Protein backbone atom coordinates (compact mmCIF):
# COMPACT_ATOMS: atom_id res chain seq x y z
CA MET A 1 94.74 91.14 65.33
CA ASN A 2 91.53 90.63 67.33
CA VAL A 3 90.31 88.19 64.69
CA TRP A 4 93.59 86.26 64.91
CA PHE A 5 93.31 85.98 68.69
CA ARG A 6 89.66 85.00 68.45
CA GLN A 7 90.43 82.23 65.96
CA HIS A 8 93.23 80.79 68.10
CA ARG A 9 91.12 81.05 71.26
CA PHE A 10 88.36 79.11 69.50
CA ALA A 11 90.90 76.50 68.33
CA PHE A 12 92.31 76.11 71.83
CA GLY A 13 88.80 75.73 73.26
CA ALA A 14 88.02 73.09 70.60
CA ALA A 15 91.22 71.21 71.57
CA LEU A 16 90.19 71.23 75.25
CA SER A 17 86.76 69.98 74.17
CA HIS A 18 88.42 67.07 72.38
CA VAL A 19 90.36 66.23 75.53
CA ARG A 20 87.24 66.37 77.70
CA LYS A 21 85.44 63.99 75.37
CA ALA A 22 88.08 61.25 75.82
CA PRO A 23 90.09 62.08 78.98
CA GLY A 24 91.17 58.46 79.53
CA SER A 25 92.72 58.16 76.09
CA PHE A 26 94.44 61.52 76.44
CA LEU A 27 95.90 60.66 79.83
CA PHE A 28 97.12 57.31 78.55
CA ASN A 29 98.90 59.02 75.67
CA VAL A 30 100.37 61.61 78.04
CA LEU A 31 101.83 58.78 80.15
CA VAL A 32 103.28 57.02 77.09
CA VAL A 33 104.95 60.20 75.87
CA ALA A 34 106.10 61.08 79.41
CA VAL A 35 107.85 57.72 79.73
CA ALA A 36 109.72 58.44 76.50
CA LEU A 37 110.70 61.93 77.69
CA THR A 38 111.74 60.99 81.23
CA LEU A 39 115.04 59.36 80.29
CA PRO A 40 116.44 62.27 78.23
CA PHE A 41 115.13 64.78 80.77
CA ALA A 42 116.92 62.82 83.54
CA GLY A 43 120.12 62.80 81.46
CA VAL A 44 119.95 66.55 80.94
CA THR A 45 119.48 67.06 84.68
CA LEU A 46 122.47 64.87 85.57
CA LEU A 47 124.72 66.59 83.03
CA ASP A 48 123.61 69.99 84.27
CA ASN A 49 124.65 68.96 87.79
CA ALA A 50 127.97 67.49 86.57
CA ARG A 51 128.89 70.55 84.48
CA PRO A 52 129.85 72.83 87.42
CA LEU A 53 132.03 70.08 88.88
CA SER A 54 133.93 69.56 85.63
CA GLU A 55 134.40 73.33 85.21
CA GLU A 56 135.83 73.70 88.71
CA LEU A 57 138.44 71.04 88.09
CA SER A 58 141.63 72.20 86.45
CA VAL A 59 142.32 70.49 83.13
CA ASP A 60 145.89 71.82 82.90
CA PRO A 61 148.32 68.93 83.39
CA GLU A 62 150.77 68.84 86.22
CA ILE A 63 154.04 66.91 86.15
CA SER A 64 155.55 65.76 89.45
CA LEU A 65 159.22 64.70 89.32
CA PHE A 66 160.64 62.80 92.31
CA LEU A 67 164.39 62.51 92.83
CA LYS A 68 166.22 59.65 94.48
CA THR A 69 166.30 60.00 98.27
CA ASP A 70 170.12 59.98 98.36
CA THR A 71 170.48 62.85 95.87
CA PRO A 72 172.42 65.80 97.42
CA ARG A 73 170.52 69.08 97.65
CA ASP A 74 172.88 70.99 95.33
CA GLN A 75 172.50 68.33 92.64
CA ALA A 76 168.74 68.39 93.06
CA GLN A 77 168.58 72.17 92.60
CA ALA A 78 171.01 71.99 89.68
CA LEU A 79 168.40 70.00 87.79
CA ALA A 80 166.17 73.08 87.32
CA PRO A 81 167.98 74.46 84.21
CA GLN A 82 167.67 71.06 82.48
CA LEU A 83 163.96 70.99 83.23
CA GLN A 84 163.53 74.49 81.86
CA GLN A 85 165.31 73.41 78.68
CA ILE A 86 162.99 70.40 78.25
CA LEU A 87 159.97 72.66 78.82
CA HIS A 88 161.23 75.33 76.44
CA GLY A 89 158.33 76.62 74.34
CA SER A 90 155.74 75.50 76.87
CA HIS A 91 153.95 77.77 79.31
CA ALA A 92 155.11 76.05 82.50
CA LYS A 93 155.73 77.04 86.11
CA VAL A 94 158.54 75.01 87.72
CA SER A 95 158.60 74.77 91.52
CA PHE A 96 161.23 72.99 93.60
CA VAL A 97 159.76 71.25 96.65
CA PRO A 98 162.40 70.36 99.33
CA ARG A 99 161.80 67.13 101.21
CA GLU A 100 161.32 69.08 104.47
CA GLN A 101 158.50 71.11 102.93
CA ALA A 102 156.90 68.00 101.52
CA LEU A 103 156.98 66.32 104.94
CA ALA A 104 155.45 69.36 106.63
CA SER A 105 152.68 69.50 104.04
CA LEU A 106 152.00 65.79 104.51
CA LYS A 107 151.71 66.23 108.28
CA GLU A 108 149.34 69.15 107.86
CA LYS A 109 147.03 67.53 105.35
CA SER A 110 147.00 63.92 106.61
CA GLY A 111 146.65 64.60 110.34
CA LEU A 112 148.96 61.68 111.01
CA THR A 113 151.78 63.64 112.66
CA ASP A 114 152.38 61.09 115.42
CA VAL A 115 152.54 58.21 112.98
CA ILE A 116 154.91 60.03 110.67
CA GLU A 117 157.24 60.98 113.54
CA THR A 118 157.65 57.31 114.41
CA LEU A 119 159.33 56.81 111.05
CA GLY A 120 162.41 58.66 112.21
CA ASP A 121 164.24 60.11 109.23
CA ASN A 122 162.29 61.91 106.54
CA PRO A 123 161.40 59.24 103.92
CA LEU A 124 160.32 61.77 101.28
CA PRO A 125 162.62 62.86 98.43
CA ASP A 126 163.14 66.31 96.95
CA SER A 127 160.84 66.93 94.02
CA TYR A 128 159.79 69.33 91.32
CA VAL A 129 156.24 70.29 90.43
CA MET A 130 155.64 71.69 86.94
CA LYS A 131 152.24 73.19 86.06
CA LEU A 132 151.63 73.41 82.32
CA GLU A 133 149.05 75.63 80.64
CA GLY A 134 147.34 75.46 77.26
CA PHE A 135 147.26 71.66 76.96
CA ALA A 136 143.71 70.56 76.03
CA SER A 137 143.67 68.41 72.88
CA GLY A 138 144.75 64.84 72.32
CA ALA A 139 147.92 66.03 70.54
CA ASP A 140 148.77 68.21 73.58
CA ALA A 141 148.32 65.20 75.85
CA ALA A 142 150.84 63.30 73.73
CA ARG A 143 153.27 66.19 74.09
CA VAL A 144 152.95 66.02 77.90
CA ASP A 145 153.75 62.29 77.82
CA GLY A 146 156.77 63.06 75.64
CA LEU A 147 158.01 65.67 78.13
CA ALA A 148 157.61 63.18 80.95
CA GLU A 149 159.68 60.59 79.08
CA GLN A 150 162.51 63.10 78.58
CA MET A 151 162.47 63.91 82.29
CA ARG A 152 162.65 60.24 83.26
CA ALA A 153 166.01 60.05 81.37
CA LEU A 154 167.60 62.77 83.56
CA PRO A 155 170.17 61.72 86.16
CA ASP A 156 169.05 61.17 89.80
CA VAL A 157 165.35 61.00 88.74
CA ASP A 158 163.49 58.25 90.54
CA SER A 159 160.00 58.68 89.02
CA VAL A 160 157.88 61.13 87.02
CA GLN A 161 154.13 61.32 87.39
CA VAL A 162 151.68 63.15 85.14
CA ASP A 163 148.76 64.38 87.24
CA SER A 164 145.40 65.72 86.06
CA ALA A 165 145.19 63.18 83.22
CA TRP A 166 142.05 61.83 84.90
CA VAL A 167 140.45 65.25 84.53
CA LYS A 168 140.88 65.04 80.77
CA ARG A 169 139.33 61.57 80.87
CA LEU A 170 136.41 63.02 82.80
CA ALA A 171 135.94 65.80 80.22
CA ALA A 172 136.10 63.23 77.42
CA LEU A 173 133.60 61.01 79.21
CA LEU A 174 131.18 63.91 79.66
CA GLY A 175 131.53 64.65 75.94
CA VAL A 176 130.67 61.03 75.10
CA LEU A 177 127.69 61.16 77.48
CA ARG A 178 126.43 64.37 75.86
CA LEU A 179 126.62 62.77 72.41
CA ALA A 180 124.91 59.58 73.67
CA LEU A 181 122.18 61.71 75.29
CA LEU A 182 121.67 63.65 72.06
CA LEU A 183 121.27 60.42 70.05
CA LEU A 184 118.89 59.05 72.70
CA ALA A 185 116.88 62.27 72.70
CA ILE A 186 116.57 62.19 68.91
CA THR A 187 115.42 58.57 68.98
CA LEU A 188 112.87 59.14 71.70
CA GLY A 189 111.79 62.38 70.02
CA VAL A 190 110.83 60.30 67.00
CA VAL A 191 108.85 58.02 69.32
CA VAL A 192 107.00 61.02 70.77
CA ILE A 193 106.16 62.30 67.30
CA ALA A 194 104.92 58.85 66.30
CA VAL A 195 102.66 58.60 69.39
CA VAL A 196 101.16 62.05 68.78
CA PHE A 197 100.85 61.28 65.08
CA ASN A 198 98.73 58.20 65.84
CA THR A 199 96.67 60.02 68.49
CA ILE A 200 95.75 62.85 66.10
CA ARG A 201 95.08 60.33 63.34
CA LEU A 202 92.42 58.65 65.46
CA GLN A 203 90.88 62.04 66.30
CA VAL A 204 90.73 62.98 62.62
CA LEU A 205 89.05 59.68 61.76
CA THR A 206 86.47 59.99 64.54
CA GLN A 207 85.63 63.57 63.54
CA ARG A 208 85.67 63.18 59.78
CA GLU A 209 81.94 63.84 59.49
CA GLU A 210 82.27 67.10 61.47
CA ILE A 211 85.21 68.07 59.25
CA ALA A 212 83.18 67.36 56.12
CA VAL A 213 80.29 69.51 57.37
CA SER A 214 82.68 72.34 58.29
CA LYS A 215 84.11 72.31 54.78
CA LEU A 216 80.63 72.47 53.28
CA LEU A 217 79.99 75.54 55.45
CA GLY A 218 83.12 77.20 54.04
CA ALA A 219 85.67 76.53 56.79
CA THR A 220 89.26 76.96 55.67
CA ASP A 221 91.93 74.30 56.09
CA ASN A 222 93.69 76.39 58.76
CA PHE A 223 90.48 76.72 60.74
CA ILE A 224 90.05 72.92 60.70
CA HIS A 225 93.73 72.16 61.41
CA ARG A 226 94.28 74.48 64.40
CA PRO A 227 92.36 72.47 67.05
CA PHE A 228 94.36 69.36 66.20
CA TYR A 229 97.62 71.35 66.38
CA TYR A 230 96.69 72.62 69.86
CA THR A 231 95.78 69.10 70.91
CA GLY A 232 99.17 67.77 69.89
CA ALA A 233 101.04 70.65 71.56
CA LEU A 234 98.92 70.26 74.72
CA LEU A 235 99.69 66.53 74.80
CA GLY A 236 103.43 67.18 74.50
CA LEU A 237 103.31 69.95 77.10
CA CYS A 238 101.46 67.80 79.67
CA ALA A 239 103.77 64.86 79.00
CA GLY A 240 106.81 67.10 79.49
CA ALA A 241 105.44 68.36 82.80
CA VAL A 242 104.82 64.78 83.99
CA ALA A 243 108.38 63.79 82.94
CA LEU A 244 109.90 66.71 84.80
CA GLY A 245 107.85 65.82 87.88
CA ALA A 246 109.02 62.20 87.69
CA VAL A 247 112.66 63.34 87.48
CA ALA A 248 112.22 65.68 90.45
CA LEU A 249 110.72 62.87 92.54
CA ALA A 250 113.56 60.52 91.54
CA LEU A 251 116.15 63.01 92.79
CA ARG A 252 115.05 62.53 96.42
CA PRO A 253 116.11 58.85 96.82
CA LEU A 254 119.14 59.49 94.63
CA ASN A 255 120.28 62.34 96.88
CA THR A 256 119.91 60.10 99.94
CA ALA A 257 122.31 57.60 98.41
CA ILE A 258 124.64 60.29 97.06
CA ALA A 259 124.82 61.99 100.48
CA GLU A 260 126.23 58.83 102.07
CA PHE A 261 128.84 58.55 99.32
CA ALA A 262 129.73 62.29 99.39
CA ARG A 263 130.38 62.21 103.13
CA LEU A 264 133.25 59.79 102.54
CA TYR A 265 134.95 62.59 100.55
CA ALA A 266 133.90 65.43 102.92
CA SER A 267 131.55 66.78 100.26
CA GLU A 268 127.96 68.00 100.38
CA PHE A 269 127.20 67.40 96.72
CA GLN A 270 123.49 67.11 95.93
CA LEU A 271 121.56 66.71 92.69
CA THR A 272 119.28 69.67 92.06
CA PRO A 273 116.45 70.09 89.55
CA LEU A 274 116.98 72.15 86.43
CA PRO A 275 116.64 75.92 86.78
CA PRO A 276 113.31 77.43 85.69
CA LEU A 277 114.74 78.50 82.34
CA GLY A 278 115.95 74.96 81.64
CA MET A 279 112.58 73.48 82.58
CA ALA A 280 110.78 75.99 80.35
CA ALA A 281 113.11 75.02 77.47
CA LEU A 282 112.35 71.30 77.91
CA LEU A 283 108.60 72.00 78.13
CA ALA A 284 108.83 74.06 74.94
CA ILE A 285 110.71 71.18 73.21
CA SER A 286 108.13 68.63 74.30
CA ALA A 287 105.27 70.86 73.18
CA GLY A 288 107.07 71.41 69.89
CA LEU A 289 107.43 67.66 69.34
CA GLY A 290 103.70 67.27 69.93
CA LEU A 291 102.98 70.07 67.48
CA VAL A 292 105.21 68.49 64.82
CA GLY A 293 103.48 65.12 65.26
CA ALA A 294 100.05 66.75 64.97
CA MET A 295 101.01 68.76 61.87
CA LEU A 296 102.33 65.67 60.07
CA SER A 297 99.26 63.65 60.98
CA VAL A 298 96.72 66.33 60.08
CA GLN A 299 98.30 67.22 56.77
CA ARG A 300 98.49 63.59 55.73
CA HIS A 301 95.06 62.31 56.83
CA LEU A 302 93.00 65.40 56.02
CA ALA A 303 94.50 65.34 52.54
CA ARG A 304 93.10 61.82 52.18
CA LEU A 305 89.63 62.97 53.24
CA LYS A 306 89.58 65.38 50.34
């Protein structure tokens, strides 16, 4: 075990020595890789901030049925059994909302009591609110639309509105964004591997004489390969750290703009950086991409030197 640690410590020291010999080239490659990593890292941060919001929103549809304003109260309440029959087989909670209750709720939530009182008679109709559960797929959404159509055909019904459909659209949009981010990350991951591949290739070519001497002295392939592996992983790790730093700096001006928009909706929403575990995962991925690029380059070009 001590020998294993000693070999890897030597390889890591050799990788640092390679970096110190050409710091300008290493920093330039770090910046190139960091630019490629910044966009997917920013996308992951935005999706991580949007996920709690989408989870807090209810995705269960809600159907609001509004009766005609001249419908008598007894006829309005007699509509409940017909609604229960239409919703038979669905997990639904049906609530009758009298027009007086609706007006009181409007006054409480809008703060426009004086304006509403100037209208005289209550302009709101009696209504029903039906909350449905277990509707998540596209087929379920079609069922909700079908239920709404049946309700529109009932007597004394003025309008039927399906609420919470926008929440499903939001969930679908987040799914599309996740897929787009995954494809973007794969594409840019290939770019990172290509940059590291070329960087290590140049190092192998500049050190081919040292490699040849090491082989004459009996050095194994693993002993020769390890410093290049560490160099690639170090390049990816540094680039990942720079990309995370760039995303964190970009959040400040974004939060300033978001704060102005959030105030319009009485919200204090702010974008926050990824948690430490998320940052560690992204750094590990970036280091892994650097390691893969280095392994591909070393195995290909050292095989040619043989």
